[in-house]
């Protein structure tokens, strides 16, 4: 998968909006949304929320996990933990990026949220690279990817698959041609 495909999947995540229009329930292939009444919260997929926001038809409520204090706790927990911690959304980076790019005026303390999410991402990617390095140094043939998001896995996918292919080739070559002693 490339990043745009992962972002597409993330756009199915539900978010709450406050519409400024009235509309009956909409029947979509992916499920029904609505009805829409001004200033009454309604859950919709992220892609609908972004479309309505772009047309100035709603305000988007930031997900609970995008609270600065909650994110600081997550960052601290991730930094202290040896293994990956469970994130509040399996598409946390994509959802945050989309909301911070399209609805920054609806996100309280948007700059702080952006910074902390980037910090969490950096901690997790550094931990992932360290894990891959240990795995390759120990010549492991498998790894557990518990609590990683698709986007995090995608960032190392090509490097990891090529590295493991090269290691496999080297191992096969070493067994076919043992060193002379």
Protein backbone atom coordinates (compact mmCIF):
# COMPACT_ATOMS: atom_id res chain seq x y z
CA UNK A 1 0.00 0.00 0.00
CA UNK A 2 1.17 3.47 -0.62
CA UNK A 3 0.47 6.39 1.76
CA UNK A 4 -2.47 7.67 -0.28
CA UNK A 5 -4.21 4.30 0.03
CA UNK A 6 -3.67 4.29 3.78
CA UNK A 7 -5.03 7.83 3.96
CA UNK A 8 -8.08 6.67 2.00
CA UNK A 9 -8.71 3.97 4.62
CA UNK A 10 -8.27 6.52 7.41
CA UNK A 11 -10.94 8.74 5.88
CA UNK A 12 -13.53 6.14 6.92
CA UNK A 13 -12.88 6.89 10.61
CA UNK A 14 -15.93 8.44 12.31
CA UNK A 15 -15.74 12.01 13.60
CA UNK A 16 -18.33 14.29 15.13
CA UNK A 17 -19.43 17.42 13.33
CA UNK A 18 -21.71 20.31 14.19
CA UNK A 19 -23.59 21.05 10.96
CA UNK A 20 -24.99 24.49 10.16
CA UNK A 21 -27.65 23.15 7.80
CA UNK A 22 -30.66 20.84 7.82
CA UNK A 23 -30.82 17.68 5.78
CA UNK A 24 -32.55 14.33 6.03
CA UNK A 25 -30.64 11.10 6.53
CA UNK A 26 -28.35 10.29 3.61
CA UNK A 27 -28.20 6.67 2.48
CA UNK A 28 -24.71 5.87 1.25
CA UNK A 29 -23.04 2.63 0.20
CA UNK A 30 -20.78 2.76 3.26
CA UNK A 31 -23.68 3.36 5.65
CA UNK A 32 -26.30 5.93 6.54
CA UNK A 33 -25.36 9.37 7.90
CA UNK A 34 -27.53 12.04 9.40
CA UNK A 35 -30.04 13.46 9.81
CA UNK A 36 -28.36 16.85 9.97
CA UNK A 37 -29.77 19.62 12.14
CA UNK A 38 -27.97 22.90 12.86
CA UNK A 39 -25.69 22.75 15.92
CA UNK A 40 -26.66 19.18 16.83
CA UNK A 41 -23.65 16.82 16.84
CA UNK A 42 -23.68 13.99 14.35
CA UNK A 43 -21.08 11.28 13.62
CA UNK A 44 -19.95 11.00 10.02
CA UNK A 45 -16.94 9.48 8.24
CA UNK A 46 -13.94 11.80 8.13
CA UNK A 47 -14.19 12.24 4.36
CA UNK A 48 -17.70 13.65 4.66
CA UNK A 49 -16.65 15.93 7.52
CA UNK A 50 -13.74 17.29 5.47
CA UNK A 51 -15.99 17.84 2.45
CA UNK A 52 -18.61 19.67 4.50
CA UNK A 53 -15.91 21.72 6.24
CA UNK A 54 -14.44 22.72 2.89
CA UNK A 55 -17.89 23.94 1.84
CA UNK A 56 -18.29 25.76 5.19
CA UNK A 57 -21.27 23.58 6.12
CA UNK A 58 -19.99 22.40 9.52
CA UNK A 59 -17.47 22.59 12.31
CA UNK A 60 -15.52 19.46 13.14
CA UNK A 61 -15.07 18.41 16.74
CA UNK A 62 -11.59 17.17 17.39
CA UNK A 63 -11.51 13.52 18.54
CA UNK A 64 -11.08 13.14 22.31
CA UNK A 65 -7.57 11.80 21.85
CA UNK A 66 -6.46 15.06 20.16
CA UNK A 67 -6.54 16.85 23.52
CA UNK A 68 -3.13 18.30 24.40
CA UNK A 69 -3.01 16.74 27.88
CA UNK A 70 -4.06 13.33 26.55
CA UNK A 71 -1.39 13.53 23.85
CA UNK A 72 1.28 14.50 26.38
CA UNK A 73 0.35 11.41 28.43
CA UNK A 74 0.54 9.24 25.30
CA UNK A 75 3.94 10.67 24.40
CA UNK A 76 5.29 10.05 27.89
CA UNK A 77 3.87 6.52 27.95
CA UNK A 78 5.36 5.77 24.51
CA UNK A 79 8.74 7.17 25.50
CA UNK A 80 8.92 5.08 28.67
CA UNK A 81 7.59 1.83 27.22
CA UNK A 82 9.98 -0.75 25.83
CA UNK A 83 7.43 -1.94 23.28
CA UNK A 84 4.89 -0.04 21.20
CA UNK A 85 1.89 1.23 23.12
CA UNK A 86 -1.63 1.06 21.80
CA UNK A 87 -2.57 4.31 20.10
CA UNK A 88 -6.06 5.82 20.49
CA UNK A 89 -6.70 5.49 16.76
CA UNK A 90 -5.23 3.00 14.31
CA UNK A 91 -4.90 5.93 11.89
CA UNK A 92 -3.80 8.57 14.40
CA UNK A 93 -1.25 10.23 12.12
CA UNK A 94 -3.45 10.35 9.03
CA UNK A 95 -6.52 11.63 10.92
CA UNK A 96 -4.48 14.27 12.74
CA UNK A 97 -2.78 15.40 9.53
CA UNK A 98 -6.05 15.66 7.62
CA UNK A 99 -7.77 17.56 10.42
CA UNK A 100 -4.83 19.87 11.07
CA UNK A 101 -4.54 20.67 7.37
CA UNK A 102 -8.26 21.16 6.66
CA UNK A 103 -9.87 22.15 9.94
CA UNK A 104 -7.12 23.80 11.96
CA UNK A 105 -9.57 26.44 13.23
CA UNK A 106 -11.70 23.70 14.80
CA UNK A 107 -8.81 22.07 16.72
CA UNK A 108 -8.04 23.64 20.11
CA UNK A 109 -4.31 24.34 20.53
CA UNK A 110 -3.66 23.06 17.01
CA UNK A 111 0.04 23.95 17.00
CA UNK A 112 0.66 22.06 20.25
CA UNK A 113 -1.35 19.09 18.97
CA UNK A 114 0.66 19.05 15.74
CA UNK A 115 3.97 19.18 17.64
CA UNK A 116 3.09 16.44 20.13
CA UNK A 117 1.74 14.11 17.45
CA UNK A 118 4.94 14.62 15.45
CA UNK A 119 6.95 13.86 18.60
CA UNK A 120 4.97 10.66 19.18
CA UNK A 121 5.53 9.68 15.55
CA UNK A 122 9.28 10.31 15.87
CA UNK A 123 9.53 8.24 19.07
CA UNK A 124 7.62 5.35 17.49
CA UNK A 125 9.63 5.40 14.24
CA UNK A 126 12.91 5.50 16.19
CA UNK A 127 11.69 2.54 18.25
CA UNK A 128 10.68 0.73 15.06
CA UNK A 129 14.09 1.28 13.46
CA UNK A 130 15.82 0.07 16.61
CA UNK A 131 13.63 -3.04 16.62
CA UNK A 132 14.45 -3.74 12.98
CA UNK A 133 18.14 -3.28 13.65
CA UNK A 134 18.00 -5.75 16.54
CA UNK A 135 16.00 -8.19 14.45
CA UNK A 136 18.52 -8.13 11.61
CA UNK A 137 21.52 -8.32 13.96
CA UNK A 138 19.99 -11.34 15.69
CA UNK A 139 19.20 -12.89 12.29
CA UNK A 140 15.57 -13.33 13.25
CA UNK A 141 13.19 -14.52 10.56
CA UNK A 142 10.00 -12.99 11.92
CA UNK A 143 8.82 -10.10 14.06
CA UNK A 144 5.66 -9.06 15.89
CA UNK A 145 4.13 -5.80 14.80
CA UNK A 146 1.73 -5.31 17.69
CA UNK A 147 0.20 -1.84 18.05
CA UNK A 148 1.82 -0.37 14.94
CA UNK A 149 -0.30 1.62 12.53
CA UNK A 150 -0.42 0.88 8.81
CA UNK A 151 1.41 4.12 8.06
CA UNK A 152 4.22 3.24 10.48
CA UNK A 153 4.62 -0.20 8.93
CA UNK A 154 4.51 1.35 5.48
CA UNK A 155 7.45 3.66 6.24
CA UNK A 156 9.80 0.70 6.69
CA UNK A 157 8.11 -1.87 4.47
CA UNK A 158 10.34 -1.54 1.40
CA UNK A 159 13.56 -1.27 3.37
CA UNK A 160 12.68 -4.22 5.57
CA UNK A 161 11.56 -6.54 2.79
CA UNK A 162 14.67 -5.82 0.72
CA UNK A 163 16.96 -6.25 3.72
CA UNK A 164 15.34 -9.57 4.62
CA UNK A 165 15.59 -10.74 1.00
CA UNK A 166 19.32 -9.92 0.97
CA UNK A 167 19.84 -11.71 4.28
CA UNK A 168 18.01 -14.75 2.94
CA UNK A 169 20.19 -14.75 -0.20
CA UNK A 170 23.35 -14.50 1.92
CA UNK A 171 22.24 -17.36 4.17
CA UNK A 172 21.39 -19.55 1.19
CA UNK A 173 24.72 -18.75 -0.43
CA UNK A 174 26.57 -19.52 2.80
CA UNK A 175 24.96 -22.96 3.13
CA UNK A 176 25.59 -23.82 -0.53
CA UNK A 177 29.24 -22.80 -0.36
CA UNK A 178 30.52 -23.47 3.18
CA UNK A 179 33.85 -21.80 3.98
CA UNK A 180 36.97 -23.89 3.54
CA UNK A 181 38.89 -24.62 6.68
